[in-house]
């Protein structure tokens, strides 16, 4: 569990304290989109999985920890699985877009990844969405991000499929809505 400072977003989207630097873009949007869940006698707000993915991208852009990429990948896989299981993948308007279907080679999992990036874009606005796109816009940075996201995988098929999944998400993030 991450414990993060929360309050008014600092000018410039970050906060400094001593040797610590916190990137704050995306936190307000994640908090605003969070749902309250009751655990025992306590209530906790949890942001949507897509917001967590966006926060992992922004965190990686600041500190390049491999775990942020790995966490992103696991969240992406889970979000795509949920979209398939709850029916939102089958009901998505993405199937009506020839461009997206062609881009994703008709692969439902890749379309699910595009759906997740579109959901993130609906949660994150302005600087937060711009920062996610900026971080992943550089080809070398993108390749590094994907390689780190898949670094624990050993099966070549899983790696190839995981790469396509990440690329579909990133492409979806870049699409003009």
Protein backbone atom coordinates (compact mmCIF):
# COMPACT_ATOMS: atom_id res chain seq x y z
CA UNK A 1 0.00 0.00 0.00
CA UNK A 2 1.32 3.41 -0.94
CA UNK A 3 0.91 6.29 1.47
CA UNK A 4 0.96 9.55 -0.39
CA UNK A 5 0.63 13.20 0.59
CA UNK A 6 -2.73 14.61 -0.37
CA UNK A 7 -3.99 18.13 -0.47
CA UNK A 8 -3.98 21.04 -2.86
CA UNK A 9 -1.91 20.22 -5.92
CA UNK A 10 1.34 22.15 -5.89
CA UNK A 11 2.16 24.60 -8.64
CA UNK A 12 3.98 22.76 -11.40
CA UNK A 13 2.44 19.42 -10.42
CA UNK A 14 5.10 18.39 -7.93
CA UNK A 15 6.12 18.85 -4.32
CA UNK A 16 9.58 19.00 -2.76
CA UNK A 17 10.45 18.31 0.86
CA UNK A 18 14.07 17.87 1.86
CA UNK A 19 15.58 15.27 -0.47
CA UNK A 20 12.16 13.97 -1.49
CA UNK A 21 10.35 14.83 -4.70
CA UNK A 22 6.71 13.84 -5.30
CA UNK A 23 5.05 14.01 -8.68
CA UNK A 24 1.43 14.92 -7.95
CA UNK A 25 -0.16 14.97 -11.38
CA UNK A 26 -2.95 12.42 -11.57
CA UNK A 27 -3.52 12.18 -7.82
CA UNK A 28 -6.50 14.55 -7.72
CA UNK A 29 -8.12 12.86 -10.72
CA UNK A 30 -7.54 9.42 -9.15
CA UNK A 31 -9.03 10.57 -5.87
CA UNK A 32 -12.04 12.15 -7.59
CA UNK A 33 -12.75 8.93 -9.52
CA UNK A 34 -12.22 6.65 -6.49
CA UNK A 35 -15.03 4.53 -5.08
CA UNK A 36 -15.54 3.86 -1.39
CA UNK A 37 -15.29 0.23 -0.32
CA UNK A 38 -16.07 -1.08 3.13
CA UNK A 39 -13.51 -3.39 4.69
CA UNK A 40 -14.69 -4.63 8.06
CA UNK A 41 -15.79 -1.52 9.89
CA UNK A 42 -13.65 0.87 7.84
CA UNK A 43 -14.22 2.55 4.53
CA UNK A 44 -11.45 3.16 2.03
CA UNK A 45 -11.53 4.95 -1.32
CA UNK A 46 -9.87 3.04 -4.14
CA UNK A 47 -9.28 4.62 -7.55
CA UNK A 48 -10.22 2.77 -10.74
CA UNK A 49 -7.59 0.39 -12.07
CA UNK A 50 -7.01 2.68 -15.06
CA UNK A 51 -6.11 5.58 -12.73
CA UNK A 52 -3.63 3.31 -10.95
CA UNK A 53 -2.07 2.51 -14.33
CA UNK A 54 -1.73 6.23 -15.09
CA UNK A 55 -0.12 6.86 -11.72
CA UNK A 56 2.40 4.08 -12.44
CA UNK A 57 3.30 5.69 -15.78
CA UNK A 58 3.79 9.08 -14.12
CA UNK A 59 5.82 7.55 -11.27
CA UNK A 60 8.08 5.76 -13.76
CA UNK A 61 8.57 9.03 -15.62
CA UNK A 62 9.94 10.55 -12.44
CA UNK A 63 12.06 7.79 -10.99
CA UNK A 64 12.34 4.99 -13.59
CA UNK A 65 11.83 2.19 -11.05
CA UNK A 66 11.31 -1.11 -12.88
CA UNK A 67 8.59 -2.07 -10.39
CA UNK A 68 6.38 0.79 -11.65
CA UNK A 69 6.47 -0.77 -15.14
CA UNK A 70 5.83 -4.28 -13.83
CA UNK A 71 2.95 -3.02 -11.70
CA UNK A 72 1.53 -1.22 -14.76
CA UNK A 73 1.70 -4.42 -16.81
CA UNK A 74 -0.09 -6.50 -14.15
CA UNK A 75 -2.78 -3.81 -13.80
CA UNK A 76 -3.22 -3.71 -17.59
CA UNK A 77 -3.59 -7.49 -17.84
CA UNK A 78 -6.11 -7.46 -14.98
CA UNK A 79 -8.10 -4.57 -16.47
CA UNK A 80 -8.29 -6.32 -19.85
CA UNK A 81 -9.42 -9.55 -18.18
CA UNK A 82 -12.11 -7.68 -16.22
CA UNK A 83 -13.35 -5.97 -19.42
CA UNK A 84 -13.66 -9.38 -21.05
CA UNK A 85 -15.40 -11.00 -18.08
CA UNK A 86 -17.87 -8.18 -17.31
CA UNK A 87 -18.96 -7.78 -20.93
CA UNK A 88 -17.67 -4.24 -21.48
CA UNK A 89 -15.25 -5.53 -24.12
CA UNK A 90 -18.06 -7.07 -26.20
CA UNK A 91 -20.26 -3.98 -25.77
CA UNK A 92 -17.54 -1.44 -26.53
CA UNK A 93 -17.96 1.11 -29.30
CA UNK A 94 -14.34 0.36 -30.23
CA UNK A 95 -15.67 -2.51 -32.36
CA UNK A 96 -17.43 0.08 -34.52
CA UNK A 97 -14.15 1.80 -35.36
CA UNK A 98 -12.56 0.21 -38.41
CA UNK A 99 -9.31 2.04 -37.61
CA UNK A 100 -9.06 0.58 -34.10
CA UNK A 101 -10.10 -2.93 -35.14
CA UNK A 102 -7.53 -2.86 -37.94
CA UNK A 103 -4.86 -1.38 -35.67
CA UNK A 104 -5.53 -4.18 -33.16
CA UNK A 105 -5.67 -6.86 -35.89
CA UNK A 106 -9.16 -7.77 -34.62
CA UNK A 107 -7.59 -9.15 -31.44
CA UNK A 108 -10.06 -8.68 -28.55
CA UNK A 109 -7.26 -8.40 -25.96
CA UNK A 110 -5.60 -5.57 -27.87
CA UNK A 111 -8.93 -3.81 -28.22
CA UNK A 112 -9.39 -4.26 -24.46
CA UNK A 113 -6.03 -2.49 -23.97
CA UNK A 114 -7.20 0.44 -26.11
CA UNK A 115 -10.40 0.58 -24.04
CA UNK A 116 -8.28 0.86 -20.88
CA UNK A 117 -6.26 3.75 -22.31
CA UNK A 118 -9.47 5.52 -23.28
CA UNK A 119 -10.82 5.04 -19.76
CA UNK A 120 -7.61 6.52 -18.36
CA UNK A 121 -8.01 9.50 -20.68
CA UNK A 122 -11.56 9.96 -19.33
CA UNK A 123 -10.26 9.98 -15.74
CA UNK A 124 -7.07 11.99 -16.21
CA UNK A 125 -7.41 15.44 -17.64
CA UNK A 126 -5.09 18.20 -18.67
CA UNK A 127 -1.60 17.92 -17.22
CA UNK A 128 -2.01 14.35 -15.94
CA UNK A 129 -3.06 12.94 -19.33
CA UNK A 130 -0.46 15.09 -21.09
CA UNK A 131 2.24 13.81 -18.74
CA UNK A 132 1.37 10.15 -19.43
CA UNK A 133 1.55 10.76 -23.19
CA UNK A 134 4.75 12.79 -22.84
CA UNK A 135 6.50 10.06 -20.85
CA UNK A 136 5.66 7.38 -23.40
CA UNK A 137 6.04 9.50 -26.55
CA UNK A 138 9.79 9.04 -26.85
CA UNK A 139 10.44 5.78 -28.73
CA UNK A 140 13.47 4.84 -26.61
CA UNK A 141 11.62 5.59 -23.37
CA UNK A 142 8.64 3.57 -24.59
CA UNK A 143 10.84 0.59 -25.47
CA UNK A 144 12.54 0.81 -22.08
CA UNK A 145 9.16 1.01 -20.32
CA UNK A 146 7.82 -2.06 -22.14
CA UNK A 147 11.03 -4.03 -21.61
CA UNK A 148 10.93 -3.28 -17.89
CA UNK A 149 7.22 -4.11 -17.73
CA UNK A 150 7.92 -7.58 -19.17
CA UNK A 151 11.26 -8.22 -17.47
CA UNK A 152 9.90 -10.98 -15.20
CA UNK A 153 8.33 -12.93 -18.07
CA UNK A 154 10.23 -15.94 -19.40
CA UNK A 155 7.87 -17.39 -21.99
CA UNK A 156 8.49 -15.90 -25.46
CA UNK A 157 4.78 -16.04 -26.35
CA UNK A 158 3.82 -14.17 -23.16
CA UNK A 159 6.51 -11.59 -23.90
CA UNK A 160 5.34 -11.09 -27.50
CA UNK A 161 1.68 -10.86 -26.43
CA UNK A 162 2.58 -8.56 -23.53
CA UNK A 163 4.51 -6.25 -25.85
CA UNK A 164 1.50 -6.00 -28.20
CA UNK A 165 -0.80 -5.35 -25.24
CA UNK A 166 1.40 -2.50 -23.94
CA UNK A 167 1.78 -1.04 -27.43
CA UNK A 168 -1.99 -1.12 -28.00
CA UNK A 169 -2.53 0.69 -24.68
CA UNK A 170 0.06 3.35 -25.57
CA UNK A 171 -1.39 3.79 -29.06
CA UNK A 172 -4.86 4.19 -27.54
CA UNK A 173 -3.51 6.82 -25.17
CA UNK A 174 -2.20 8.79 -28.14
CA UNK A 175 -5.43 8.61 -30.18
CA UNK A 176 -7.37 11.82 -30.56
CA UNK A 177 -10.72 11.44 -28.86
